C-alpha atoms as a PDB file:
ATOM      1  CA  MET A   1       0.132  -0.079  -0.115  1.00  0.00           C
ATOM      2  CA  THR A   2       1.249   3.276  -1.204  1.00  0.00           C
ATOM      3  CA  ASP A   3       0.468   6.460   1.102  1.00  0.00           C
ATOM      4  CA  VAL A   4      -0.216   9.589  -0.779  1.00  0.00           C
ATOM      5  CA  VAL A   5      -1.085  12.654   0.719  1.00  0.00           C
ATOM      6  CA  LEU A   6      -0.977  15.682  -1.917  1.00  0.00           C
ATOM      7  CA  ASP A   7      -1.106  19.105  -1.468  1.00  0.00           C
ATOM      8  CA  HIS A   8      -4.502  20.185  -3.158  1.00  0.00           C
ATOM      9  CA  SER A   9      -4.632  23.435  -1.391  1.00  0.00           C
ATOM     10  CA  ARG A  10      -0.816  24.713  -2.435  1.00  0.00           C
ATOM     11  CA  ALA A  11      -2.072  27.024  -5.494  1.00  0.00           C
ATOM     12  CA  GLU A  12      -4.515  28.491  -2.995  1.00  0.00           C
ATOM     13  CA  ARG A  13      -1.899  28.980  -0.353  1.00  0.00           C
ATOM     14  CA  ILE A  14       0.960  30.371  -2.125  1.00  0.00           C
ATOM     15  CA  GLY A  15       0.258  30.806  -5.547  1.00  0.00           C
ATOM     16  CA  LEU A  16       1.978  27.726  -6.773  1.00  0.00           C
ATOM     17  CA  GLY A  17       0.864  24.409  -8.069  1.00  0.00           C
ATOM     18  CA  GLU A  18       1.177  20.898  -6.467  1.00  0.00           C
ATOM     19  CA  ALA A  19       4.380  19.445  -7.754  1.00  0.00           C
ATOM     20  CA  VAL A  20       6.107  15.949  -7.730  1.00  0.00           C
ATOM     21  CA  LEU A  21       9.458  14.768  -7.884  1.00  0.00           C
ATOM     22  CA  CYS A  22       9.568  11.523  -9.476  1.00  0.00           C
ATOM     23  CA  ASP A  23      13.213  10.269  -9.722  1.00  0.00           C
ATOM     24  CA  ALA A  24      12.986   8.509  -6.326  1.00  0.00           C
ATOM     25  CA  LYS A  25       9.407   7.013  -6.669  1.00  0.00           C
ATOM     26  CA  THR A  26       8.548   3.628  -7.975  1.00  0.00           C
ATOM     27  CA  VAL A  27       6.091   3.334 -11.122  1.00  0.00           C
ATOM     28  CA  PRO A  28       3.357   2.070  -8.135  1.00  0.00           C
ATOM     29  CA  GLN A  29       4.130   4.993  -6.030  1.00  0.00           C
ATOM     30  CA  LEU A  30       3.878   7.295  -9.189  1.00  0.00           C
ATOM     31  CA  VAL A  31       0.415   5.527 -10.106  1.00  0.00           C
ATOM     32  CA  ALA A  32      -0.914   6.198  -6.686  1.00  0.00           C
ATOM     33  CA  VAL A  33       0.065   9.929  -7.119  1.00  0.00           C
ATOM     34  CA  LEU A  34      -1.708  10.009 -10.562  1.00  0.00           C
ATOM     35  CA  ASP A  35      -4.531   8.117  -9.416  1.00  0.00           C
ATOM     36  CA  GLN A  36      -5.379  10.355  -6.626  1.00  0.00           C
ATOM     37  CA  ALA A  37      -4.693  13.464  -8.624  1.00  0.00           C
ATOM     38  CA  ALA A  38      -7.086  12.537 -10.980  1.00  0.00           C
ATOM     39  CA  GLU A  39      -9.772  11.762  -8.767  1.00  0.00           C
ATOM     40  CA  LEU A  40      -9.243  15.224  -7.166  1.00  0.00           C
ATOM     41  CA  GLY A  41      -9.146  16.697 -10.713  1.00  0.00           C
ATOM     42  CA  LEU A  42      -6.132  18.442  -9.503  1.00  0.00           C
ATOM     43  CA  PRO A  43      -3.524  19.738 -11.953  1.00  0.00           C
ATOM     44  CA  MET A  44      -0.094  18.710 -11.419  1.00  0.00           C
ATOM     45  CA  LEU A  45       3.768  19.216 -12.763  1.00  0.00           C
ATOM     46  CA  LEU A  46       5.863  16.347 -12.405  1.00  0.00           C
ATOM     47  CA  THR A  47       9.687  16.781 -12.709  1.00  0.00           C
ATOM     48  CA  ARG A  48      12.377  14.437 -13.326  1.00  0.00           C
ATOM     49  CA  LEU A  49      10.180  11.909 -14.741  1.00  0.00           C
ATOM     50  CA  ALA A  50      12.702   9.575 -16.684  1.00  0.00           C
ATOM     51  CA  PRO A  51      11.818   8.344 -20.150  1.00  0.00           C
ATOM     52  CA  ALA A  52      11.823   4.899 -18.713  1.00  0.00           C
ATOM     53  CA  GLN A  53       9.574   5.565 -15.545  1.00  0.00           C
ATOM     54  CA  HIS A  54       7.012   7.250 -18.240  1.00  0.00           C
ATOM     55  CA  ALA A  55       7.194   4.263 -20.398  1.00  0.00           C
ATOM     56  CA  ASP A  56       6.257   2.199 -17.419  1.00  0.00           C
ATOM     57  CA  LEU A  57       3.313   3.939 -16.545  1.00  0.00           C
ATOM     58  CA  PRO A  58      -0.062   2.322 -17.602  1.00  0.00           C
ATOM     59  CA  ALA A  59      -1.881   3.865 -20.669  1.00  0.00           C
ATOM     60  CA  ARG A  60      -4.389   5.560 -18.800  1.00  0.00           C
ATOM     61  CA  HIS A  61      -1.923   7.712 -16.778  1.00  0.00           C
ATOM     62  CA  ALA A  62       0.781   7.996 -20.046  1.00  0.00           C
ATOM     63  CA  THR A  63      -1.788   9.129 -22.446  1.00  0.00           C
ATOM     64  CA  ASN A  64      -3.049  11.873 -20.229  1.00  0.00           C
ATOM     65  CA  LEU A  65       0.561  13.580 -19.418  1.00  0.00           C
ATOM     66  CA  ASP A  66       2.189  16.303 -21.516  1.00  0.00           C
ATOM     67  CA  TYR A  67       5.838  14.735 -21.553  1.00  0.00           C
ATOM     68  CA  ASP A  68       8.862  16.393 -22.418  1.00  0.00           C
ATOM     69  CA  ALA A  69      11.591  13.960 -22.626  1.00  0.00           C
ATOM     70  CA  ILE A  70      14.452  16.446 -22.477  1.00  0.00           C
ATOM     71  CA  SER A  71      13.630  18.380 -19.111  1.00  0.00           C
ATOM     72  CA  CYS A  72      11.785  15.045 -17.984  1.00  0.00           C
ATOM     73  CA  THR A  73       8.913  16.961 -17.129  1.00  0.00           C
ATOM     74  CA  ALA A  74       5.181  16.350 -17.332  1.00  0.00           C
ATOM     75  CA  PHE A  75       1.903  17.921 -17.002  1.00  0.00           C
ATOM     76  CA  LEU A  76      -1.344  16.274 -15.494  1.00  0.00           C
ATOM     77  CA  GLY A  77      -4.096  18.637 -16.745  1.00  0.00           C
ATOM     78  CA  ARG A  78      -4.269  22.048 -18.202  1.00  0.00           C
ATOM     79  CA  PRO A  79      -1.450  24.589 -17.701  1.00  0.00           C
ATOM     80  CA  ALA A  80      -2.508  27.721 -16.263  1.00  0.00           C
ATOM     81  CA  LEU A  81      -3.617  30.269 -18.913  1.00  0.00           C
ATOM     82  CA  SER A  82      -0.666  32.899 -19.916  1.00  0.00           C
ATOM     83  CA  ARG A  83      -0.347  35.779 -17.580  1.00  0.00           C
ATOM     84  CA  GLY A  84       0.679  38.047 -20.458  1.00  0.00           C
ATOM     85  CA  SER A  85       4.037  39.366 -21.710  1.00  0.00           C
ATOM     86  CA  ALA A  86       7.166  37.255 -20.675  1.00  0.00           C
ATOM     87  CA  ARG A  87       8.702  39.001 -17.373  1.00  0.00           C
ATOM     88  CA  ILE A  88      11.328  35.986 -16.949  1.00  0.00           C
ATOM     89  CA  ALA A  89      14.265  35.704 -19.092  1.00  0.00           C
ATOM     90  CA  VAL A  90      16.011  31.932 -18.792  1.00  0.00           C
ATOM     91  CA  VAL A  91      19.773  32.004 -19.998  1.00  0.00           C
ATOM     92  CA  THR A  92      22.416  29.472 -20.267  1.00  0.00           C
ATOM     93  CA  GLY A  93      25.961  29.422 -21.048  1.00  0.00           C
ATOM     94  CA  GLY A  94      25.752  26.353 -23.528  1.00  0.00           C
ATOM     95  CA  THR A  95      23.820  23.504 -25.028  1.00  0.00           C
ATOM     96  CA  SER A  96      24.690  21.087 -22.043  1.00  0.00           C
ATOM     97  CA  ASP A  97      22.302  23.037 -20.278  1.00  0.00           C
ATOM     98  CA  GLU A  98      19.178  22.447 -21.492  1.00  0.00           C
ATOM     99  CA  ARG A  99      17.693  19.837 -19.291  1.00  0.00           C
ATOM    100  CA  VAL A 100      17.999  22.217 -16.735  1.00  0.00           C
ATOM    101  CA  ALA A 101      17.002  25.174 -18.819  1.00  0.00           C
ATOM    102  CA  GLY A 102      14.059  22.939 -20.015  1.00  0.00           C
ATOM    103  CA  GLU A 103      12.997  22.159 -16.511  1.00  0.00           C
ATOM    104  CA  ALA A 104      12.503  26.133 -15.657  1.00  0.00           C
ATOM    105  CA  LEU A 105      10.914  26.882 -18.767  1.00  0.00           C
ATOM    106  CA  ARG A 106       8.273  23.951 -18.263  1.00  0.00           C
ATOM    107  CA  THR A 107       7.647  24.930 -14.799  1.00  0.00           C
ATOM    108  CA  LEU A 108       7.066  28.527 -15.620  1.00  0.00           C
ATOM    109  CA  ALA A 109       4.648  27.179 -18.550  1.00  0.00           C
ATOM    110  CA  PHE A 110       2.634  25.574 -16.245  1.00  0.00           C
ATOM    111  CA  HIS A 111       2.080  28.216 -13.999  1.00  0.00           C
ATOM    112  CA  GLY A 112       1.209  30.326 -16.858  1.00  0.00           C
ATOM    113  CA  GLN A 113       4.373  32.518 -17.020  1.00  0.00           C
ATOM    114  CA  ALA A 114       5.964  33.495 -20.100  1.00  0.00           C
ATOM    115  CA  ALA A 115       9.348  33.756 -20.467  1.00  0.00           C
ATOM    116  CA  LEU A 116      12.441  34.663 -22.944  1.00  0.00           C
ATOM    117  CA  ARG A 117      14.797  32.214 -23.671  1.00  0.00           C
ATOM    118  CA  VAL A 118      18.070  32.852 -24.396  1.00  0.00           C
ATOM    119  CA  GLY A 119      20.775  30.184 -24.934  1.00  0.00           C
ATOM    120  CA  ASP A 120      24.582  29.252 -25.567  1.00  0.00           C
ATOM    121  CA  VAL A 121      25.627  32.780 -24.423  1.00  0.00           C
ATOM    122  CA  GLY A 122      28.552  31.575 -22.155  1.00  0.00           C
ATOM    123  CA  VAL A 123      31.635  33.517 -21.276  1.00  0.00           C
ATOM    124  CA  ALA A 124      34.001  31.685 -23.539  1.00  0.00           C
ATOM    125  CA  GLY A 125      32.464  33.753 -26.379  1.00  0.00           C
ATOM    126  CA  LEU A 126      31.684  36.966 -24.603  1.00  0.00           C
ATOM    127  CA  TRP A 127      30.656  38.798 -27.989  1.00  0.00           C
ATOM    128  CA  ARG A 128      27.317  36.142 -27.732  1.00  0.00           C
ATOM    129  CA  LEU A 129      26.361  38.042 -24.319  1.00  0.00           C
ATOM    130  CA  GLN A 130      27.214  41.173 -25.436  1.00  0.00           C
ATOM    131  CA  ALA A 131      24.936  40.741 -28.752  1.00  0.00           C
ATOM    132  CA  ARG A 132      21.878  39.774 -26.299  1.00  0.00           C
ATOM    133  CA  LEU A 133      22.635  42.118 -23.183  1.00  0.00           C
ATOM    134  CA  ALA A 134      20.273  44.886 -24.016  1.00  0.00           C
ATOM    135  CA  GLU A 135      17.401  42.668 -24.561  1.00  0.00           C
ATOM    136  CA  ILE A 136      18.400  40.631 -21.454  1.00  0.00           C
ATOM    137  CA  ALA A 137      18.482  43.735 -19.109  1.00  0.00           C
ATOM    138  CA  GLU A 138      14.736  44.672 -19.912  1.00  0.00           C
ATOM    139  CA  TYR A 139      13.743  41.578 -17.916  1.00  0.00           C
ATOM    140  CA  PRO A 140      13.026  42.167 -14.168  1.00  0.00           C
ATOM    141  CA  VAL A 141      14.031  38.834 -13.601  1.00  0.00           C
ATOM    142  CA  VAL A 142      17.001  36.526 -15.134  1.00  0.00           C
ATOM    143  CA  ILE A 143      17.404  32.723 -14.464  1.00  0.00           C
ATOM    144  CA  ALA A 144      21.105  32.435 -15.274  1.00  0.00           C
ATOM    145  CA  ILE A 145      22.202  28.392 -15.915  1.00  0.00           C
ATOM    146  CA  ALA A 146      25.777  27.419 -16.210  1.00  0.00           C
ATOM    147  CA  GLY A 147      28.022  24.595 -15.394  1.00  0.00           C
ATOM    148  CA  LEU A 148      31.953  24.108 -15.304  1.00  0.00           C
ATOM    149  CA  GLU A 149      33.192  27.414 -13.372  1.00  0.00           C
ATOM    150  CA  ALA A 150      29.363  29.222 -13.918  1.00  0.00           C
ATOM    151  CA  ALA A 151      30.757  32.373 -14.302  1.00  0.00           C
ATOM    152  CA  LEU A 152      27.773  33.583 -16.578  1.00  0.00           C
ATOM    153  CA  PRO A 153      25.432  34.433 -13.093  1.00  0.00           C
ATOM    154  CA  THR A 154      28.340  36.527 -11.937  1.00  0.00           C
ATOM    155  CA  VAL A 155      28.921  38.477 -15.251  1.00  0.00           C
ATOM    156  CA  LEU A 156      24.956  38.860 -15.251  1.00  0.00           C
ATOM    157  CA  ALA A 157      24.536  40.324 -12.087  1.00  0.00           C
ATOM    158  CA  GLY A 158      27.261  42.565 -12.507  1.00  0.00           C
ATOM    159  CA  LEU A 159      25.446  44.307 -15.748  1.00  0.00           C
ATOM    160  CA  VAL A 160      21.751  44.123 -15.475  1.00  0.00           C
ATOM    161  CA  PRO A 161      19.475  46.020 -12.887  1.00  0.00           C
ATOM    162  CA  GLY A 162      17.143  42.647 -12.641  1.00  0.00           C
ATOM    163  CA  LEU A 163      17.076  39.708 -10.125  1.00  0.00           C
ATOM    164  CA  VAL A 164      19.564  37.332 -11.245  1.00  0.00           C
ATOM    165  CA  ILE A 165      19.039  33.809 -10.060  1.00  0.00           C
ATOM    166  CA  GLY A 166      21.700  31.658 -10.478  1.00  0.00           C
ATOM    167  CA  VAL A 167      21.564  27.762 -11.292  1.00  0.00           C
ATOM    168  CA  PRO A 168      24.864  25.636 -11.307  1.00  0.00           C
ATOM    169  CA  VAL A 169      24.456  22.885 -13.390  1.00  0.00           C
ATOM    170  CA  SER A 170      26.490  19.203 -13.012  1.00  0.00           C
ATOM    171  CA  THR A 171      27.777  19.198 -16.693  1.00  0.00           C
ATOM    172  CA  GLY A 172      31.320  19.108 -16.400  1.00  0.00           C
ATOM    173  CA  TYR A 173      34.355  16.861 -15.731  1.00  0.00           C
ATOM    174  CA  GLY A 174      37.483  16.926 -13.605  1.00  0.00           C
ATOM    175  CA  ILE A 175      37.401  19.173 -10.649  1.00  0.00           C
ATOM    176  CA  ALA A 176      34.063  20.414 -12.269  1.00  0.00           C
ATOM    177  CA  ALA A 177      32.269  16.903 -12.263  1.00  0.00           C
ATOM    178  CA  GLY A 178      28.892  17.147 -10.776  1.00  0.00           C
ATOM    179  CA  GLY A 179      28.186  20.963 -10.313  1.00  0.00           C
ATOM    180  CA  ARG A 180      30.006  21.833  -7.007  1.00  0.00           C
ATOM    181  CA  THR A 181      32.543  23.755  -8.524  1.00  0.00           C
ATOM    182  CA  ALA A 182      29.694  25.907 -10.097  1.00  0.00           C
ATOM    183  CA  LEU A 183      27.648  26.163  -7.011  1.00  0.00           C
ATOM    184  CA  HIS A 184      30.668  27.431  -4.832  1.00  0.00           C
ATOM    185  CA  SER A 185      31.519  29.743  -7.710  1.00  0.00           C
ATOM    186  CA  MET A 186      27.871  31.206  -7.542  1.00  0.00           C
ATOM    187  CA  LEU A 187      28.003  31.145  -3.759  1.00  0.00           C
ATOM    188  CA  ALA A 188      31.395  33.170  -3.320  1.00  0.00           C
ATOM    189  CA  SER A 189      30.400  35.670  -6.473  1.00  0.00           C
ATOM    190  CA  CYS A 190      31.282  39.134  -5.669  1.00  0.00           C
ATOM    191  CA  ALA A 191      28.154  40.512  -7.680  1.00  0.00           C
ATOM    192  CA  ASN A 192      25.884  42.605  -5.965  1.00  0.00           C
ATOM    193  CA  GLY A 193      22.467  40.568  -4.885  1.00  0.00           C
ATOM    194  CA  LEU A 194      23.370  37.176  -6.912  1.00  0.00           C
ATOM    195  CA  VAL A 195      20.961  34.630  -5.659  1.00  0.00           C
ATOM    196  CA  THR A 196      21.973  30.695  -5.856  1.00  0.00           C
ATOM    197  CA  VAL A 197      19.537  27.608  -5.984  1.00  0.00           C
ATOM    198  CA  ASN A 198      20.828  23.921  -5.598  1.00  0.00           C
ATOM    199  CA  ILE A 199      22.703  22.176  -8.278  1.00  0.00           C
ATOM    200  CA  ASP A 200      20.396  21.454 -11.404  1.00  0.00           C
ATOM    201  CA  ASN A 201      17.088  23.048  -9.818  1.00  0.00           C
ATOM    202  CA  GLY A 202      15.365  24.620 -12.698  1.00  0.00           C
ATOM    203  CA  PHE A 203      12.207  24.018 -10.887  1.00  0.00           C
ATOM    204  CA  GLY A 204      13.568  25.790  -7.616  1.00  0.00           C
ATOM    205  CA  ALA A 205      14.914  28.861  -9.995  1.00  0.00           C
ATOM    206  CA  ALA A 206      11.417  29.068 -11.655  1.00  0.00           C
ATOM    207  CA  CYS A 207       9.523  29.199  -8.633  1.00  0.00           C
ATOM    208  CA  ALA A 208      11.794  31.606  -7.144  1.00  0.00           C
ATOM    209  CA  ALA A 209      11.671  33.776  -9.825  1.00  0.00           C
ATOM    210  CA  MET A 210       7.543  33.834  -9.905  1.00  0.00           C
ATOM    211  CA  ARG A 211       7.728  34.794  -6.109  1.00  0.00           C
ATOM    212  CA  ALA A 212       9.543  37.563  -6.739  1.00  0.00           C
ATOM    213  CA  LEU A 213       7.457  38.694  -9.066  1.00  0.00           C
ATOM    214  CA  ARG A 214       4.171  38.256  -7.235  1.00  0.00           C
ATOM    215  CA  ALA A 215       5.717  39.831  -4.169  1.00  0.00           C
ATOM    216  CA  ALA A 216       6.161  42.975  -6.128  1.00  0.00           C
ATOM    217  CA  GLU A 217       2.912  42.729  -7.884  1.00  0.00           C
ATOM    218  CA  ARG A 218       1.078  42.644  -4.518  1.00  0.00           C
ATOM    219  CA  ARG A 219       3.402  45.624  -3.052  1.00  0.00           C
ATOM    220  CA  ASN A 220       2.238  47.609  -6.233  1.00  0.00           C
ATOM    221  CA  GLY A 221      -1.274  46.284  -6.598  1.00  0.00           C
END
């Protein structure tokens, strides 16, 4: 017997919908989660749902999920309606960061939040970032995703006025393997006010970005 207690009032309480981390769950546990969500009519975001897990789900669930294999995310139920023009930019250093960027973008999309996607602007070719910098600076919140030495968030936080949320990525090898170098680099940044989330945590960065925007809305509303 699998005990499942879904947080069905989370959206009303904090403005962010129920989300389920899948990578440590068995398929029977996931089935129990999806059965209860379907019974409640509860829209849900699933993160780190591996393709093998998705393939092993019974058809009644697999066919009802909007699944994206790159980001390993799925929507159960219809995402929220778009809230208008994009106010969050999701910026990555390289194409190796796509899974984490996808998790952030899908989390935003599930909550109806449009976003600008800026890819492959790492500091190894600084001209690529310079070419997009004026555009990025227009956004009140920037999610900056990078691996290896993870200089991108520090550079952005020194150049744009908005809130910069750094996401260290586990991409790398040698001393950079596992993302700890990237994490330590962001935590040790001298850029004023750079905020950092956990390694590979695109979901957490997206939630932090939405909380910041909504706090500003409440203050100005």
